[in-house]
Amino acid sequence: MSSGPPWTLIAILGLLLVATAVVGVVLLTRVTTVGSLETGDCLSSSALAAGESTLDDLDVVDCTSAHDGEVVAVVTLDEEADETAACGSEVPPLDALAAAGVEVRPLTEPGTDTAGDPVACVARRVDGAALTGRVAQS
């Protein structure tokens, strides 16, 4: 019998640690640009829950877990529309969302509001409470 470290156990624990890190990266994706968002993405963000429109702490998460917002449309600004008007013309019926205590806010890159820029239209609860499930059904 050897009195050295149990190398097999150390190797297995190392593999489990690496696997856990990989799964964490796959399940939680940090958003760095509005252009990387897609309709149906669910988002977690303390800033979004507070009603702010920033990418500082925005993560794409599984829609079955509690989340702060859902991308209901991704649009491109045209010459005539601002980001709020662009979202208003592309999202599910706003009256039905408002009746459910949900609002749609535009999310843009900081300092961008010109024609051709992407805008993510994000539904969130007006009271800042977490959403569960999808706002917009596919």
Protein backbone atom coordinates (compact mmCIF):
# COMPACT_ATOMS: atom_id res chain seq x y z
CA MET A 1 0.00 0.00 0.00
CA SER A 2 1.14 3.47 -0.83
CA SER A 3 1.07 6.29 1.67
CA GLY A 4 1.10 8.97 -1.11
CA PRO A 5 -1.82 11.14 -2.22
CA PRO A 6 -4.78 9.41 -3.86
CA TRP A 7 -4.03 10.57 -7.45
CA THR A 8 -7.14 8.98 -8.92
CA LEU A 9 -9.37 10.92 -6.53
CA ILE A 10 -7.51 14.17 -7.23
CA ALA A 11 -7.84 13.62 -11.00
CA ILE A 12 -11.58 12.95 -10.73
CA LEU A 13 -12.13 16.04 -8.59
CA GLY A 14 -10.16 18.11 -11.10
CA LEU A 15 -12.30 16.87 -13.99
CA LEU A 16 -15.49 17.62 -12.06
CA LEU A 17 -14.28 21.16 -11.37
CA VAL A 18 -13.53 21.77 -15.06
CA ALA A 19 -16.90 20.29 -16.12
CA THR A 20 -18.73 22.51 -13.63
CA ALA A 21 -16.97 25.61 -14.96
CA VAL A 22 -17.84 24.73 -18.58
CA VAL A 23 -21.50 24.14 -17.73
CA GLY A 24 -21.62 27.46 -15.85
CA VAL A 25 -20.28 29.34 -18.87
CA VAL A 26 -22.76 27.65 -21.20
CA LEU A 27 -25.78 28.30 -18.95
CA LEU A 28 -24.91 31.89 -18.06
CA THR A 29 -23.85 34.06 -20.98
CA ARG A 30 -22.77 37.65 -20.41
CA VAL A 31 -24.25 40.03 -22.97
CA THR A 32 -21.84 42.61 -24.30
CA THR A 33 -23.81 44.02 -27.27
CA VAL A 34 -27.45 44.55 -28.10
CA GLY A 35 -26.74 42.98 -31.49
CA SER A 36 -26.00 39.66 -29.78
CA LEU A 37 -29.53 39.43 -28.33
CA GLU A 38 -32.28 37.44 -30.04
CA THR A 39 -36.05 37.45 -29.71
CA GLY A 40 -36.96 35.03 -26.93
CA ASP A 41 -33.77 35.55 -24.88
CA CYS A 42 -34.51 35.83 -21.17
CA LEU A 43 -32.33 38.24 -19.23
CA SER A 44 -31.10 38.63 -15.70
CA SER A 45 -29.92 42.03 -14.54
CA SER A 46 -30.27 44.05 -11.36
CA ALA A 47 -30.24 47.20 -13.50
CA LEU A 48 -33.07 45.88 -15.69
CA ALA A 49 -35.10 44.95 -12.61
CA ALA A 50 -34.65 48.54 -11.41
CA GLY A 51 -35.94 49.91 -14.73
CA GLU A 52 -32.57 50.96 -16.15
CA SER A 53 -31.48 50.29 -19.72
CA THR A 54 -27.85 49.24 -19.43
CA LEU A 55 -25.71 46.30 -20.49
CA ASP A 56 -23.49 46.51 -17.42
CA ASP A 57 -24.69 43.34 -15.69
CA LEU A 58 -26.91 41.72 -18.30
CA ASP A 59 -26.88 37.92 -18.65
CA VAL A 60 -28.89 35.60 -20.88
CA VAL A 61 -30.48 32.91 -18.71
CA ASP A 62 -32.86 29.98 -19.08
CA CYS A 63 -36.45 31.22 -19.30
CA THR A 64 -37.65 28.54 -16.87
CA SER A 65 -35.69 30.21 -14.06
CA ALA A 66 -36.60 33.55 -12.50
CA HIS A 67 -35.43 36.41 -14.74
CA ASP A 68 -35.79 40.17 -15.04
CA GLY A 69 -36.76 40.57 -18.68
CA GLU A 70 -37.41 38.91 -22.02
CA VAL A 71 -36.46 40.13 -25.48
CA VAL A 72 -39.77 40.28 -27.35
CA ALA A 73 -38.33 41.84 -30.52
CA VAL A 74 -35.05 43.00 -31.99
CA VAL A 75 -35.46 45.85 -34.44
CA THR A 76 -33.28 48.21 -36.44
CA LEU A 77 -33.78 51.93 -36.07
CA ASP A 78 -34.90 53.71 -39.22
CA GLU A 79 -34.66 57.40 -40.05
CA GLU A 80 -38.05 58.36 -38.57
CA ALA A 81 -38.38 56.25 -35.41
CA ASP A 82 -36.75 56.59 -32.05
CA GLU A 83 -36.09 53.44 -30.02
CA THR A 84 -39.37 53.60 -28.07
CA ALA A 85 -41.47 54.01 -31.23
CA ALA A 86 -39.51 51.21 -32.93
CA CYS A 87 -40.36 48.81 -30.11
CA GLY A 88 -44.00 49.90 -29.99
CA SER A 89 -44.54 48.84 -33.59
CA GLU A 90 -42.90 45.41 -33.27
CA VAL A 91 -43.93 43.85 -29.96
CA PRO A 92 -46.92 41.75 -28.89
CA PRO A 93 -50.09 43.74 -28.10
CA LEU A 94 -48.99 46.38 -25.60
CA ASP A 95 -52.46 46.60 -24.01
CA ALA A 96 -52.36 42.91 -23.04
CA LEU A 97 -48.86 43.27 -21.60
CA ALA A 98 -49.80 46.41 -19.65
CA ALA A 99 -52.84 44.66 -18.18
CA ALA A 100 -50.47 41.96 -16.91
CA GLY A 101 -48.21 44.56 -15.26
CA VAL A 102 -45.55 44.25 -17.95
CA GLU A 103 -43.92 47.08 -19.89
CA VAL A 104 -41.63 47.03 -22.91
CA ARG A 105 -38.46 49.10 -22.80
CA PRO A 106 -35.91 49.67 -25.54
CA LEU A 107 -32.37 48.52 -24.87
CA THR A 108 -29.67 50.12 -27.00
CA GLU A 109 -25.91 50.43 -26.99
CA PRO A 110 -24.73 53.45 -25.00
CA GLY A 111 -24.56 56.51 -27.24
CA THR A 112 -26.27 54.88 -30.22
CA ASP A 113 -29.55 56.17 -31.56
CA THR A 114 -29.01 56.53 -35.27
CA ALA A 115 -30.59 54.77 -38.23
CA GLY A 116 -29.28 51.23 -38.63
CA ASP A 117 -28.55 50.68 -34.91
CA PRO A 118 -30.07 47.58 -33.28
CA VAL A 119 -32.67 47.93 -30.52
CA ALA A 120 -33.75 45.08 -28.26
CA CYS A 121 -37.33 45.47 -27.06
CA VAL A 122 -37.33 44.01 -23.55
CA ALA A 123 -40.44 43.15 -21.55
CA ARG A 124 -40.13 43.51 -17.78
CA ARG A 125 -42.51 43.68 -14.84
CA VAL A 126 -43.35 47.28 -13.95
CA ASP A 127 -42.86 46.54 -10.24
CA GLY A 128 -39.39 45.04 -10.86
CA ALA A 129 -40.43 41.57 -9.67
CA ALA A 130 -38.91 38.58 -11.41
CA LEU A 131 -40.64 36.97 -14.36
CA THR A 132 -41.23 33.24 -14.44
CA GLY A 133 -41.77 31.59 -17.78
CA ARG A 134 -42.14 33.42 -21.06
CA VAL A 135 -43.89 36.74 -21.63
CA ALA A 136 -44.30 36.21 -25.38
CA GLN A 137 -45.36 32.79 -26.58
CA SER A 138 -43.58 31.58 -29.70
